[in-house]
Amino acid sequence: MEDPEYKEKRLKQIRELKRKKRLDPEYLEKERIKQKERDDHNREIINQKRREYGKTPQGRKTNTLNQWKRRGIKDDDLANIYEDYLLETNCWICDHDFSKYKKCLDHDHKTGEVRYICCQKCNSTILATFG
């Protein structure tokens, strides 16, 4: 069994030592360098996990939905729109398949309402002109 007085005395010594270390510029610099190394190492691990997650179906869905939201698309049911977007194989306007032109989700820039799933050509020419 430990002596309570000894324990209290030892705790005071430890606190004093920690206080002195916090005031020592050399010690602070070493700690700053160690912390930076830990941060760099952890950042690499976190970035790697983000890259791996982004390659999963759920990660691609999350990234796409967030990208749509940043672009101003507002809809209560974006998850279902995403599912339709994945399943769609042809442009709703010109009926070409999406092998030649990139698939786009057209929306009204004022309201954020989704209008069409179309090819990039239709989105940039027809809809941009007559929008």
Protein backbone atom coordinates (compact mmCIF):
# COMPACT_ATOMS: atom_id res chain seq x y z
CA MET A 1 0.00 0.00 0.00
CA GLU A 2 1.34 3.42 -0.95
CA ASP A 3 1.91 6.20 1.50
CA PRO A 4 -0.55 9.06 0.72
CA GLU A 5 2.03 11.71 1.65
CA TYR A 6 4.61 10.15 -0.66
CA LYS A 7 2.07 9.98 -3.48
CA GLU A 8 1.12 13.65 -3.03
CA LYS A 9 4.78 14.69 -2.89
CA ARG A 10 5.52 12.70 -6.07
CA LEU A 11 2.57 14.27 -7.89
CA LYS A 12 3.85 17.75 -6.98
CA GLN A 13 7.29 16.83 -8.33
CA ILE A 14 5.78 15.59 -11.58
CA ARG A 15 3.68 18.74 -11.97
CA GLU A 16 6.72 20.94 -11.34
CA LEU A 17 8.77 19.00 -13.87
CA LYS A 18 6.02 19.34 -16.48
CA ARG A 19 5.76 23.08 -15.77
CA LYS A 20 9.51 23.51 -16.26
CA LYS A 21 9.39 21.55 -19.51
CA ARG A 22 6.61 23.76 -20.84
CA LEU A 23 8.81 26.78 -20.24
CA ASP A 24 11.92 25.28 -21.85
CA PRO A 25 12.23 26.48 -25.49
CA GLU A 26 14.38 23.49 -26.49
CA TYR A 27 11.84 21.06 -25.08
CA LEU A 28 8.99 22.94 -26.77
CA GLU A 29 10.75 22.81 -30.13
CA LYS A 30 11.30 19.05 -29.82
CA GLU A 31 7.64 18.56 -28.92
CA ARG A 32 6.54 20.75 -31.83
CA ILE A 33 8.63 18.63 -34.23
CA LYS A 34 7.26 15.37 -32.79
CA GLN A 35 3.70 16.69 -33.07
CA LYS A 36 4.26 17.74 -36.70
CA GLU A 37 5.58 14.25 -37.52
CA ARG A 38 2.51 12.66 -35.89
CA ASP A 39 0.22 15.04 -37.78
CA ASP A 40 1.93 14.30 -41.11
CA HIS A 41 1.76 10.56 -40.49
CA ASN A 42 -1.91 10.71 -39.49
CA ARG A 43 -2.74 12.99 -42.43
CA GLU A 44 -1.30 10.40 -44.82
CA ILE A 45 -3.36 7.65 -43.19
CA ILE A 46 -6.56 9.75 -43.27
CA ASN A 47 -6.00 10.74 -46.92
CA GLN A 48 -5.37 7.13 -47.89
CA LYS A 49 -8.60 6.04 -46.18
CA ARG A 50 -10.51 8.84 -47.95
CA ARG A 51 -9.11 7.71 -51.32
CA GLU A 52 -10.09 4.11 -50.60
CA TYR A 53 -13.59 5.15 -49.46
CA GLY A 54 -14.02 7.30 -52.57
CA LYS A 55 -13.56 4.19 -54.72
CA THR A 56 -16.36 2.28 -53.01
CA PRO A 57 -19.95 2.52 -54.31
CA GLN A 58 -21.04 4.33 -51.14
CA GLY A 59 -18.07 6.70 -51.40
CA ARG A 60 -18.84 7.53 -55.04
CA LYS A 61 -22.47 8.13 -54.14
CA THR A 62 -21.56 10.42 -51.23
CA ASN A 63 -19.07 12.37 -53.35
CA THR A 64 -21.55 12.77 -56.22
CA LEU A 65 -24.40 13.91 -53.95
CA ASN A 66 -22.12 16.42 -52.22
CA GLN A 67 -20.91 17.71 -55.57
CA TRP A 68 -24.50 18.17 -56.76
CA LYS A 69 -25.38 20.05 -53.59
CA ARG A 70 -22.36 22.35 -54.01
CA ARG A 71 -23.51 23.08 -57.57
CA GLY A 72 -26.90 24.20 -56.31
CA ILE A 73 -29.05 21.15 -56.98
CA LYS A 74 -31.86 21.08 -54.45
CA ASP A 75 -34.20 18.17 -54.20
CA ASP A 76 -35.78 16.30 -51.32
CA ASP A 77 -35.03 12.97 -52.95
CA LEU A 78 -31.46 13.22 -54.27
CA ALA A 79 -30.75 9.60 -53.32
CA ASN A 80 -33.45 8.32 -55.72
CA ILE A 81 -32.32 10.75 -58.41
CA TYR A 82 -28.82 9.33 -57.99
CA GLU A 83 -30.14 5.79 -58.49
CA ASP A 84 -31.99 6.89 -61.65
CA TYR A 85 -28.83 8.69 -62.81
CA LEU A 86 -26.80 5.48 -62.43
CA LEU A 87 -29.35 3.36 -64.29
CA GLU A 88 -29.91 5.79 -67.18
CA THR A 89 -28.07 4.76 -70.34
CA ASN A 90 -29.37 7.29 -72.88
CA CYS A 91 -29.78 11.05 -73.03
CA TRP A 92 -33.37 12.12 -72.34
CA ILE A 93 -33.16 14.77 -75.06
CA CYS A 94 -31.28 13.30 -78.04
CA ASP A 95 -31.48 9.62 -77.00
CA HIS A 96 -27.77 8.98 -77.69
CA ASP A 97 -26.06 6.60 -75.33
CA PHE A 98 -23.57 8.02 -72.86
CA SER A 99 -20.55 6.33 -74.44
CA LYS A 100 -19.82 9.34 -76.67
CA TYR A 101 -20.64 12.24 -74.33
CA LYS A 102 -20.44 12.53 -70.57
CA LYS A 103 -23.64 12.08 -68.55
CA CYS A 104 -24.93 15.28 -66.91
CA LEU A 105 -27.64 16.11 -64.43
CA ASP A 106 -29.28 19.26 -65.73
CA HIS A 107 -30.96 21.57 -63.24
CA ASP A 108 -32.54 25.00 -63.05
CA HIS A 109 -29.91 27.36 -61.67
CA LYS A 110 -32.52 29.60 -60.03
CA THR A 111 -34.60 26.98 -58.25
CA GLY A 112 -32.12 24.08 -58.08
CA GLU A 113 -34.79 21.75 -59.48
CA VAL A 114 -33.54 18.77 -61.52
CA ARG A 115 -34.79 18.84 -65.13
CA TYR A 116 -32.98 16.20 -67.19
CA ILE A 117 -30.38 13.48 -67.22
CA CYS A 118 -28.70 14.32 -70.49
CA CYS A 119 -25.45 14.15 -72.41
CA GLN A 120 -22.88 16.90 -72.07
CA LYS A 121 -23.57 18.07 -75.62
CA CYS A 122 -27.26 18.65 -74.96
CA ASN A 123 -26.55 20.19 -71.58
CA SER A 124 -24.01 22.69 -72.94
CA THR A 125 -25.68 23.57 -76.24
CA ILE A 126 -29.43 23.03 -76.27
CA LEU A 127 -30.25 23.57 -72.60
CA ALA A 128 -27.73 26.39 -72.08
CA THR A 129 -29.26 28.27 -75.00
CA PHE A 130 -32.92 27.67 -74.26
CA GLY A 131 -32.59 26.76 -70.53
